[in-house]
Amino acid sequence: MAKKKINKAAEIRNELAKSPDAKGVEIVAALKARGVSVSPAQVSNLKTKTNNKTATKKTGAKKGPKPKLGLGEKIRAAVHLLTVSTKAEALELIEALGK
């Protein structure tokens, strides 16, 4: 007769649901008493996965719109535009000012 296959992950999740504050070794001991052989690493991995499902969004500073050039920057850019040596540099500067 074939052995009944045990879903160890489901057993660990059930035990975590019963006692969410339990440590990994405590869960391993409880499962061992029921005849399920798991390692503390398996418990730790599942604990981490279940706790981080809500925290998948990255946190940090939100990016806002780029600051617009003030009149002083535009005047300096215009003066620089008059002194640039190539047409490509002038077009690049004009394009940057338009944004």
PDB file of N, CA and C in Angstrom:
ATOM      1  N   MET A   1       0.844  -1.174   0.000  1.00  0.00           N
ATOM      2  CA  MET A   1       0.000   0.000   0.000  1.00  0.00           C
ATOM      3  C   MET A   1       0.894   1.244   0.000  1.00  0.00           C
ATOM      4  N   ALA A   2       0.544   2.209  -0.830  1.00  0.00           N
ATOM      5  CA  ALA A   2       1.335   3.436  -0.953  1.00  0.00           C
ATOM      6  C   ALA A   2       1.093   4.352   0.241  1.00  0.00           C
ATOM      7  N   LYS A   3       2.166   5.056   0.578  1.00  0.00           N
ATOM      8  CA  LYS A   3       2.046   6.022   1.675  1.00  0.00           C
ATOM      9  C   LYS A   3       1.207   7.206   1.225  1.00  0.00           C
ATOM     10  N   LYS A   4       0.441   7.741   2.136  1.00  0.00           N
ATOM     11  CA  LYS A   4      -0.330   8.940   1.846  1.00  0.00           C
ATOM     12  C   LYS A   4       0.620  10.139   1.857  1.00  0.00           C
ATOM     13  N   LYS A   5       0.582  10.918   0.780  1.00  0.00           N
ATOM     14  CA  LYS A   5       1.471  12.066   0.660  1.00  0.00           C
ATOM     15  C   LYS A   5       0.939  13.212   1.523  1.00  0.00           C
ATOM     16  N   ILE A   6       1.843  13.796   2.297  1.00  0.00           N
ATOM     17  CA  ILE A   6       1.474  14.889   3.196  1.00  0.00           C
ATOM     18  C   ILE A   6       1.929  16.202   2.580  1.00  0.00           C
ATOM     19  N   ASN A   7       1.042  17.186   2.552  1.00  0.00           N
ATOM     20  CA  ASN A   7       1.394  18.522   2.095  1.00  0.00           C
ATOM     21  C   ASN A   7       1.983  19.274   3.290  1.00  0.00           C
ATOM     22  N   LYS A   8       3.326  19.273   3.336  1.00  0.00           N
ATOM     23  CA  LYS A   8       4.006  19.858   4.498  1.00  0.00           C
ATOM     24  C   LYS A   8       3.761  21.361   4.601  1.00  0.00           C
ATOM     25  N   ALA A   9       3.722  22.035   3.454  1.00  0.00           N
ATOM     26  CA  ALA A   9       3.496  23.483   3.475  1.00  0.00           C
ATOM     27  C   ALA A   9       2.128  23.801   4.067  1.00  0.00           C
ATOM     28  N   ALA A  10       1.123  23.020   3.686  1.00  0.00           N
ATOM     29  CA  ALA A  10      -0.226  23.248   4.231  1.00  0.00           C
ATOM     30  C   ALA A  10      -0.253  22.987   5.728  1.00  0.00           C
ATOM     31  N   GLU A  11       0.464  21.954   6.160  1.00  0.00           N
ATOM     32  CA  GLU A  11       0.524  21.657   7.595  1.00  0.00           C
ATOM     33  C   GLU A  11       1.192  22.800   8.359  1.00  0.00           C
ATOM     34  N   ILE A  12       2.263  23.329   7.784  1.00  0.00           N
ATOM     35  CA  ILE A  12       2.955  24.449   8.440  1.00  0.00           C
ATOM     36  C   ILE A  12       2.031  25.661   8.506  1.00  0.00           C
ATOM     37  N   ARG A  13       1.323  25.948   7.394  1.00  0.00           N
ATOM     38  CA  ARG A  13       0.394  27.091   7.390  1.00  0.00           C
ATOM     39  C   ARG A  13      -0.717  26.916   8.425  1.00  0.00           C
ATOM     40  N   ASN A  14      -1.228  25.707   8.549  1.00  0.00           N
ATOM     41  CA  ASN A  14      -2.280  25.447   9.549  1.00  0.00           C
ATOM     42  C   ASN A  14      -1.754  25.703  10.955  1.00  0.00           C
ATOM     43  N   GLU A  15      -0.541  25.238  11.203  1.00  0.00           N
ATOM     44  CA  GLU A  15       0.047  25.440  12.530  1.00  0.00           C
ATOM     45  C   GLU A  15       0.329  26.919  12.779  1.00  0.00           C
ATOM     46  N   LEU A  16       0.766  27.648  11.730  1.00  0.00           N
ATOM     47  CA  LEU A  16       0.995  29.092  11.873  1.00  0.00           C
ATOM     48  C   LEU A  16      -0.317  29.829  12.140  1.00  0.00           C
ATOM     49  N   ALA A  17      -1.406  29.351  11.531  1.00  0.00           N
ATOM     50  CA  ALA A  17      -2.709  29.983  11.754  1.00  0.00           C
ATOM     51  C   ALA A  17      -3.156  29.790  13.200  1.00  0.00           C
ATOM     52  N   LYS A  18      -2.863  28.618  13.754  1.00  0.00           N
ATOM     53  CA  LYS A  18      -3.243  28.349  15.142  1.00  0.00           C
ATOM     54  C   LYS A  18      -2.446  29.203  16.123  1.00  0.00           C
ATOM     55  N   SER A  19      -1.151  29.315  15.857  1.00  0.00           N
ATOM     56  CA  SER A  19      -0.292  30.087  16.768  1.00  0.00           C
ATOM     57  C   SER A  19       0.690  30.928  15.953  1.00  0.00           C
ATOM     58  N   PRO A  20       0.251  32.130  15.528  1.00  0.00           N
ATOM     59  CA  PRO A  20       1.087  32.967  14.661  1.00  0.00           C
ATOM     60  C   PRO A  20       2.364  33.493  15.315  1.00  0.00           C
ATOM     61  N   ASP A  21       2.397  33.563  16.631  1.00  0.00           N
ATOM     62  CA  ASP A  21       3.583  34.080  17.321  1.00  0.00           C
ATOM     63  C   ASP A  21       4.580  32.986  17.699  1.00  0.00           C
ATOM     64  N   ALA A  22       4.286  31.737  17.346  1.00  0.00           N
ATOM     65  CA  ALA A  22       5.158  30.622  17.701  1.00  0.00           C
ATOM     66  C   ALA A  22       6.464  30.691  16.915  1.00  0.00           C
ATOM     67  N   LYS A  23       7.522  30.230  17.532  1.00  0.00           N
ATOM     68  CA  LYS A  23       8.823  30.199  16.870  1.00  0.00           C
ATOM     69  C   LYS A  23       8.887  28.957  15.976  1.00  0.00           C
ATOM     70  N   GLY A  24       9.858  28.979  15.084  1.00  0.00           N
ATOM     71  CA  GLY A  24       9.996  27.881  14.137  1.00  0.00           C
ATOM     72  C   GLY A  24      10.181  26.526  14.793  1.00  0.00           C
ATOM     73  N   VAL A  25      11.019  26.478  15.816  1.00  0.00           N
ATOM     74  CA  VAL A  25      11.274  25.195  16.482  1.00  0.00           C
ATOM     75  C   VAL A  25      10.028  24.683  17.202  1.00  0.00           C
ATOM     76  N   GLU A  26       9.197  25.590  17.698  1.00  0.00           N
ATOM     77  CA  GLU A  26       7.954  25.183  18.353  1.00  0.00           C
ATOM     78  C   GLU A  26       6.992  24.557  17.344  1.00  0.00           C
ATOM     79  N   ILE A  27       6.946  25.138  16.150  1.00  0.00           N
ATOM     80  CA  ILE A  27       6.070  24.599  15.109  1.00  0.00           C
ATOM     81  C   ILE A  27       6.589  23.248  14.637  1.00  0.00           C
ATOM     82  N   VAL A  28       7.922  23.117  14.517  1.00  0.00           N
ATOM     83  CA  VAL A  28       8.520  21.835  14.127  1.00  0.00           C
ATOM     84  C   VAL A  28       8.164  20.768  15.155  1.00  0.00           C
ATOM     85  N   ALA A  29       8.243  21.114  16.436  1.00  0.00           N
ATOM     86  CA  ALA A  29       7.927  20.161  17.502  1.00  0.00           C
ATOM     87  C   ALA A  29       6.453  19.752  17.456  1.00  0.00           C
ATOM     88  N   ALA A  30       5.572  20.726  17.225  1.00  0.00           N
ATOM     89  CA  ALA A  30       4.137  20.421  17.176  1.00  0.00           C
ATOM     90  C   ALA A  30       3.820  19.508  15.984  1.00  0.00           C
ATOM     91  N   LEU A  31       4.452  19.775  14.857  1.00  0.00           N
ATOM     92  CA  LEU A  31       4.210  18.944  13.677  1.00  0.00           C
ATOM     93  C   LEU A  31       4.824  17.553  13.847  1.00  0.00           C
ATOM     94  N   LYS A  32       5.967  17.487  14.507  1.00  0.00           N
ATOM     95  CA  LYS A  32       6.604  16.193  14.744  1.00  0.00           C
ATOM     96  C   LYS A  32       5.718  15.313  15.617  1.00  0.00           C
ATOM     97  N   ALA A  33       5.019  15.922  16.572  1.00  0.00           N
ATOM     98  CA  ALA A  33       4.099  15.178  17.438  1.00  0.00           C
ATOM     99  C   ALA A  33       2.944  14.585  16.632  1.00  0.00           C
ATOM    100  N   ARG A  34       2.596  15.229  15.516  1.00  0.00           N
ATOM    101  CA  ARG A  34       1.525  14.714  14.646  1.00  0.00           C
ATOM    102  C   ARG A  34       2.058  13.797  13.553  1.00  0.00           C
ATOM    103  N   GLY A  35       3.387  13.589  13.535  1.00  0.00           N
ATOM    104  CA  GLY A  35       3.971  12.676  12.560  1.00  0.00           C
ATOM    105  C   GLY A  35       4.415  13.327  11.264  1.00  0.00           C
ATOM    106  N   VAL A  36       4.511  14.657  11.234  1.00  0.00           N
ATOM    107  CA  VAL A  36       4.945  15.378  10.042  1.00  0.00           C
ATOM    108  C   VAL A  36       6.376  15.846  10.287  1.00  0.00           C
ATOM    109  N   SER A  37       7.282  15.446   9.384  1.00  0.00           N
ATOM    110  CA  SER A  37       8.693  15.782   9.541  1.00  0.00           C
ATOM    111  C   SER A  37       9.036  17.001   8.682  1.00  0.00           C
ATOM    112  N   VAL A  38       9.335  18.139   9.337  1.00  0.00           N
ATOM    113  CA  VAL A  38       9.740  19.363   8.640  1.00  0.00           C
ATOM    114  C   VAL A  38      10.962  19.942   9.341  1.00  0.00           C
ATOM    115  N   SER A  39      11.670  20.809   8.634  1.00  0.00           N
ATOM    116  CA  SER A  39      12.843  21.444   9.226  1.00  0.00           C
ATOM    117  C   SER A  39      12.492  22.876   9.631  1.00  0.00           C
ATOM    118  N   PRO A  40      13.254  23.454  10.542  1.00  0.00           N
ATOM    119  CA  PRO A  40      13.005  24.849  10.913  1.00  0.00           C
ATOM    120  C   PRO A  40      13.161  25.806   9.731  1.00  0.00           C
ATOM    121  N   ALA A  41      14.017  25.447   8.770  1.00  0.00           N
ATOM    122  CA  ALA A  41      14.203  26.299   7.595  1.00  0.00           C
ATOM    123  C   ALA A  41      12.919  26.369   6.765  1.00  0.00           C
ATOM    124  N   GLN A  42      12.227  25.222   6.632  1.00  0.00           N
ATOM    125  CA  GLN A  42      10.956  25.220   5.889  1.00  0.00           C
ATOM    126  C   GLN A  42       9.934  26.123   6.574  1.00  0.00           C
ATOM    127  N   VAL A  43       9.891  26.060   7.878  1.00  0.00           N
ATOM    128  CA  VAL A  43       8.949  26.896   8.637  1.00  0.00           C
ATOM    129  C   VAL A  43       9.309  28.361   8.463  1.00  0.00           C
ATOM    130  N   SER A  44      10.585  28.663   8.553  1.00  0.00           N
ATOM    131  CA  SER A  44      11.041  30.042   8.410  1.00  0.00           C
ATOM    132  C   SER A  44      10.711  30.598   7.029  1.00  0.00           C
ATOM    133  N   ASN A  45      10.938  29.797   5.992  1.00  0.00           N
ATOM    134  CA  ASN A  45      10.632  30.248   4.631  1.00  0.00           C
ATOM    135  C   ASN A  45       9.151  30.539   4.456  1.00  0.00           C
ATOM    136  N   LEU A  46       8.303  29.648   4.932  1.00  0.00           N
ATOM    137  CA  LEU A  46       6.860  29.880   4.792  1.00  0.00           C
ATOM    138  C   LEU A  46       6.393  31.053   5.637  1.00  0.00           C
ATOM    139  N   LYS A  47       6.988  31.219   6.801  1.00  0.00           N
ATOM    140  CA  LYS A  47       6.635  32.354   7.657  1.00  0.00           C
ATOM    141  C   LYS A  47       6.968  33.667   6.959  1.00  0.00           C
ATOM    142  N   THR A  48       8.128  33.715   6.332  1.00  0.00           N
ATOM    143  CA  THR A  48       8.557  34.921   5.634  1.00  0.00           C
ATOM    144  C   THR A  48       7.646  35.206   4.451  1.00  0.00           C
ATOM    145  N   LYS A  49       7.317  34.179   3.681  1.00  0.00           N
ATOM    146  CA  LYS A  49       6.458  34.367   2.510  1.00  0.00           C
ATOM    147  C   LYS A  49       5.073  34.853   2.903  1.00  0.00           C
ATOM    148  N   THR A  50       4.503  34.275   3.944  1.00  0.00           N
ATOM    149  CA  THR A  50       3.144  34.671   4.327  1.00  0.00           C
ATOM    150  C   THR A  50       3.103  36.048   4.973  1.00  0.00           C
ATOM    151  N   ASN A  51       4.172  36.440   5.660  1.00  0.00           N
ATOM    152  CA  ASN A  51       4.190  37.758   6.303  1.00  0.00           C
ATOM    153  C   ASN A  51       4.452  38.879   5.323  1.00  0.00           C
ATOM    154  N   ASN A  52       5.100  38.607   4.187  1.00  0.00           N
ATOM    155  CA  ASN A  52       5.480  39.662   3.264  1.00  0.00           C
ATOM    156  C   ASN A  52       4.528  39.819   2.086  1.00  0.00           C
ATOM    157  N   LYS A  53       3.424  39.143   2.070  1.00  0.00           N
ATOM    158  CA  LYS A  53       2.500  39.274   0.942  1.00  0.00           C
ATOM    159  C   LYS A  53       1.923  40.676   0.844  1.00  0.00           C
ATOM    160  N   THR A  54       1.722  41.327   1.972  1.00  0.00           N
ATOM    161  CA  THR A  54       1.148  42.669   1.928  1.00  0.00           C
ATOM    162  C   THR A  54       2.208  43.739   1.716  1.00  0.00           C
ATOM    163  N   ALA A  55       3.466  43.401   1.940  1.00  0.00           N
ATOM    164  CA  ALA A  55       4.529  44.399   1.847  1.00  0.00           C
ATOM    165  C   ALA A  55       5.344  44.234   0.569  1.00  0.00           C
ATOM    166  N   THR A  56       4.687  43.951  -0.541  1.00  0.00           N
ATOM    167  CA  THR A  56       5.421  43.767  -1.788  1.00  0.00           C
ATOM    168  C   THR A  56       5.674  45.096  -2.491  1.00  0.00           C
ATOM    169  N   LYS A  57       4.932  46.124  -2.138  1.00  0.00           N
ATOM    170  CA  LYS A  57       5.109  47.420  -2.773  1.00  0.00           C
ATOM    171  C   LYS A  57       6.362  48.088  -2.240  1.00  0.00           C
ATOM    172  N   LYS A  58       7.155  48.653  -3.142  1.00  0.00           N
ATOM    173  CA  LYS A  58       8.376  49.330  -2.723  1.00  0.00           C
ATOM    174  C   LYS A  58       8.027  50.632  -2.014  1.00  0.00           C
ATOM    175  N   THR A  59       8.797  50.933  -1.000  1.00  0.00           N
ATOM    176  CA  THR A  59       8.591  52.188  -0.290  1.00  0.00           C
ATOM    177  C   THR A  59       9.756  53.116  -0.596  1.00  0.00           C
ATOM    178  N   GLY A  60       9.565  54.351  -0.338  1.00  0.00           N
ATOM    179  CA  GLY A  60      10.624  55.322  -0.574  1.00  0.00           C
ATOM    180  C   GLY A  60      10.030  56.628  -1.056  1.00  0.00           C
ATOM    181  N   ALA A  61      10.905  57.505  -1.409  1.00  0.00           N
ATOM    182  CA  ALA A  61      10.466  58.824  -1.857  1.00  0.00           C
ATOM    183  C   ALA A  61       9.770  58.708  -3.203  1.00  0.00           C
ATOM    184  N   LYS A  62       8.670  59.394  -3.328  1.00  0.00           N
ATOM    185  CA  LYS A  62       7.959  59.404  -4.600  1.00  0.00           C
ATOM    186  C   LYS A  62       8.610  60.409  -5.534  1.00  0.00           C
ATOM    187  N   LYS A  63       8.686  60.011  -6.786  1.00  0.00           N
ATOM    188  CA  LYS A  63       9.275  60.906  -7.772  1.00  0.00           C
ATOM    189  C   LYS A  63       8.212  61.872  -8.263  1.00  0.00           C
ATOM    190  N   GLY A  64       8.526  63.118  -8.219  1.00  0.00           N
ATOM    191  CA  GLY A  64       7.613  64.147  -8.687  1.00  0.00           C
ATOM    192  C   GLY A  64       8.045  64.659 -10.039  1.00  0.00           C
ATOM    193  N   PRO A  65       7.367  65.663 -10.529  1.00  0.00           N
ATOM    194  CA  PRO A  65       7.751  66.231 -11.828  1.00  0.00           C
ATOM    195  C   PRO A  65       9.107  66.931 -11.729  1.00  0.00           C
ATOM    196  N   LYS A  66       9.793  66.967 -12.851  1.00  0.00           N
ATOM    197  CA  LYS A  66      11.085  67.639 -12.878  1.00  0.00           C
ATOM    198  C   LYS A  66      10.879  69.139 -12.677  1.00  0.00           C
ATOM    199  N   PRO A  67      11.787  69.781 -11.955  1.00  0.00           N
ATOM    200  CA  PRO A  67      11.630  71.221 -11.745  1.00  0.00           C
ATOM    201  C   PRO A  67      11.789  71.975 -13.070  1.00  0.00           C
ATOM    202  N   LYS A  68      10.987  72.993 -13.227  1.00  0.00           N
ATOM    203  CA  LYS A  68      11.051  73.803 -14.452  1.00  0.00           C
ATOM    204  C   LYS A  68      12.146  74.846 -14.315  1.00  0.00           C
ATOM    205  N   LEU A  69      12.686  75.231 -15.446  1.00  0.00           N
ATOM    206  CA  LEU A  69      13.743  76.240 -15.440  1.00  0.00           C
ATOM    207  C   LEU A  69      13.159  77.621 -15.148  1.00  0.00           C
ATOM    208  N   GLY A  70      13.845  78.348 -14.303  1.00  0.00           N
ATOM    209  CA  GLY A  70      13.439  79.713 -14.016  1.00  0.00           C
ATOM    210  C   GLY A  70      13.976  80.660 -15.076  1.00  0.00           C
ATOM    211  N   LEU A  71      13.643  81.931 -14.962  1.00  0.00           N
ATOM    212  CA  LEU A  71      14.064  82.931 -15.944  1.00  0.00           C
ATOM    213  C   LEU A  71      15.583  83.055 -15.994  1.00  0.00           C
ATOM    214  N   GLY A  72      16.245  83.010 -14.833  1.00  0.00           N
ATOM    215  CA  GLY A  72      17.697  83.128 -14.790  1.00  0.00           C
ATOM    216  C   GLY A  72      18.382  81.993 -15.548  1.00  0.00           C
ATOM    217  N   GLU A  73      17.878  80.756 -15.342  1.00  0.00           N
ATOM    218  CA  GLU A  73      18.461  79.615 -16.045  1.00  0.00           C
ATOM    219  C   GLU A  73      18.235  79.729 -17.541  1.00  0.00           C
ATOM    220  N   LYS A  74      17.070  80.223 -17.941  1.00  0.00           N
ATOM    221  CA  LYS A  74      16.772  80.367 -19.372  1.00  0.00           C
ATOM    222  C   LYS A  74      17.676  81.418 -20.025  1.00  0.00           C
ATOM    223  N   ILE A  75      17.951  82.510 -19.299  1.00  0.00           N
ATOM    224  CA  ILE A  75      18.831  83.559 -19.841  1.00  0.00           C
ATOM    225  C   ILE A  75      20.249  83.022 -19.991  1.00  0.00           C
ATOM    226  N   ARG A  76      20.732  82.303 -18.946  1.00  0.00           N
ATOM    227  CA  ARG A  76      22.071  81.713 -19.040  1.00  0.00           C
ATOM    228  C   ARG A  76      22.152  80.707 -20.181  1.00  0.00           C
ATOM    229  N   ALA A  77      21.088  79.950 -20.384  1.00  0.00           N
ATOM    230  CA  ALA A  77      21.062  78.976 -21.475  1.00  0.00           C
ATOM    231  C   ALA A  77      21.072  79.683 -22.823  1.00  0.00           C
ATOM    232  N   ALA A  78      20.348  80.806 -22.925  1.00  0.00           N
ATOM    233  CA  ALA A  78      20.326  81.550 -24.189  1.00  0.00           C
ATOM    234  C   ALA A  78      21.704  82.114 -24.505  1.00  0.00           C
ATOM    235  N   VAL A  79      22.393  82.619 -23.488  1.00  0.00           N
ATOM    236  CA  VAL A  79      23.747  83.136 -23.691  1.00  0.00           C
ATOM    237  C   VAL A  79      24.672  82.000 -24.114  1.00  0.00           C
ATOM    238  N   HIS A  80      24.523  80.873 -23.475  1.00  0.00           N
ATOM    239  CA  HIS A  80      25.335  79.708 -23.833  1.00  0.00           C
ATOM    240  C   HIS A  80      25.024  79.247 -25.257  1.00  0.00           C
ATOM    241  N   LEU A  81      23.747  79.331 -25.634  1.00  0.00           N
ATOM    242  CA  LEU A  81      23.328  78.937 -26.978  1.00  0.00           C
ATOM    243  C   LEU A  81      24.028  79.782 -28.038  1.00  0.00           C
ATOM    244  N   LEU A  82      24.245  81.044 -27.720  1.00  0.00           N
ATOM    245  CA  LEU A  82      24.932  81.920 -28.668  1.00  0.00           C
ATOM    246  C   LEU A  82      26.418  81.571 -28.812  1.00  0.00           C
ATOM    247  N   THR A  83      26.962  80.878 -27.807  1.00  0.00           N
ATOM    248  CA  THR A  83      28.397  80.581 -27.835  1.00  0.00           C
ATOM    249  C   THR A  83      28.720  79.129 -28.170  1.00  0.00           C
ATOM    250  N   VAL A  84      27.700  78.279 -28.372  1.00  0.00           N
ATOM    251  CA  VAL A  84      27.993  76.868 -28.668  1.00  0.00           C
ATOM    252  C   VAL A  84      28.622  76.744 -30.045  1.00  0.00           C
ATOM    253  N   SER A  85      29.399  75.694 -30.206  1.00  0.00           N
ATOM    254  CA  SER A  85      30.160  75.566 -31.438  1.00  0.00           C
ATOM    255  C   SER A  85      29.449  74.760 -32.522  1.00  0.00           C
ATOM    256  N   THR A  86      28.566  73.845 -32.145  1.00  0.00           N
ATOM    257  CA  THR A  86      27.947  73.012 -33.176  1.00  0.00           C
ATOM    258  C   THR A  86      26.433  73.163 -33.166  1.00  0.00           C
ATOM    259  N   LYS A  87      25.849  72.836 -34.285  1.00  0.00           N
ATOM    260  CA  LYS A  87      24.397  72.893 -34.436  1.00  0.00           C
ATOM    261  C   LYS A  87      23.735  71.830 -33.555  1.00  0.00           C
ATOM    262  N   ALA A  88      24.364  70.668 -33.423  1.00  0.00           N
ATOM    263  CA  ALA A  88      23.810  69.591 -32.597  1.00  0.00           C
ATOM    264  C   ALA A  88      23.697  70.019 -31.136  1.00  0.00           C
ATOM    265  N   GLU A  89      24.727  70.705 -30.622  1.00  0.00           N
ATOM    266  CA  GLU A  89      24.678  71.193 -29.239  1.00  0.00           C
ATOM    267  C   GLU A  89      23.571  72.217 -29.064  1.00  0.00           C
ATOM    268  N   ALA A  90      23.397  73.070 -30.046  1.00  0.00           N
ATOM    269  CA  ALA A  90      22.355  74.091 -29.970  1.00  0.00           C
ATOM    270  C   ALA A  90      20.974  73.445 -29.971  1.00  0.00           C
ATOM    271  N   LEU A  91      20.766  72.469 -30.853  1.00  0.00           N
ATOM    272  CA  LEU A  91      19.466  71.788 -30.911  1.00  0.00           C
ATOM    273  C   LEU A  91      19.189  71.023 -29.619  1.00  0.00           C
ATOM    274  N   GLU A  92      20.222  70.410 -29.058  1.00  0.00           N
ATOM    275  CA  GLU A  92      20.067  69.682 -27.800  1.00  0.00           C
ATOM    276  C   GLU A  92      19.660  70.630 -26.676  1.00  0.00           C
ATOM    277  N   LEU A  93      20.270  71.793 -26.633  1.00  0.00           N
ATOM    278  CA  LEU A  93      19.960  72.782 -25.607  1.00  0.00           C
ATOM    279  C   LEU A  93      18.542  73.312 -25.771  1.00  0.00           C
ATOM    280  N   ILE A  94      18.136  73.583 -27.015  1.00  0.00           N
ATOM    281  CA  ILE A  94      16.783  74.067 -27.283  1.00  0.00           C
ATOM    282  C   ILE A  94      15.751  73.021 -26.867  1.00  0.00           C
ATOM    283  N   GLU A  95      16.042  71.754 -27.168  1.00  0.00           N
ATOM    284  CA  GLU A  95      15.114  70.683 -26.803  1.00  0.00           C
ATOM    285  C   GLU A  95      14.989  70.569 -25.281  1.00  0.00           C
ATOM    286  N   ALA A  96      16.112  70.718 -24.583  1.00  0.00           N
ATOM    287  CA  ALA A  96      16.090  70.639 -23.113  1.00  0.00           C
ATOM    288  C   ALA A  96      15.307  71.799 -22.520  1.00  0.00           C
ATOM    289  N   LEU A  97      15.380  72.955 -23.123  1.00  0.00           N
ATOM    290  CA  LEU A  97      14.638  74.118 -22.609  1.00  0.00           C
ATOM    291  C   LEU A  97      13.147  73.982 -22.849  1.00  0.00           C
ATOM    292  N   GLY A  98      12.775  73.262 -23.897  1.00  0.00           N
ATOM    293  CA  GLY A  98      11.359  73.115 -24.207  1.00  0.00           C
ATOM    294  C   GLY A  98      10.627  72.214 -23.235  1.00  0.00           C
ATOM    295  N   LYS A  99      11.349  71.387 -22.518  1.00  0.00           N
ATOM    296  CA  LYS A  99      10.717  70.418 -21.602  1.00  0.00           C
ATOM    297  C   LYS A  99      10.404  71.005 -20.278  1.00  0.00           C
TER     298      LYS A  99
END
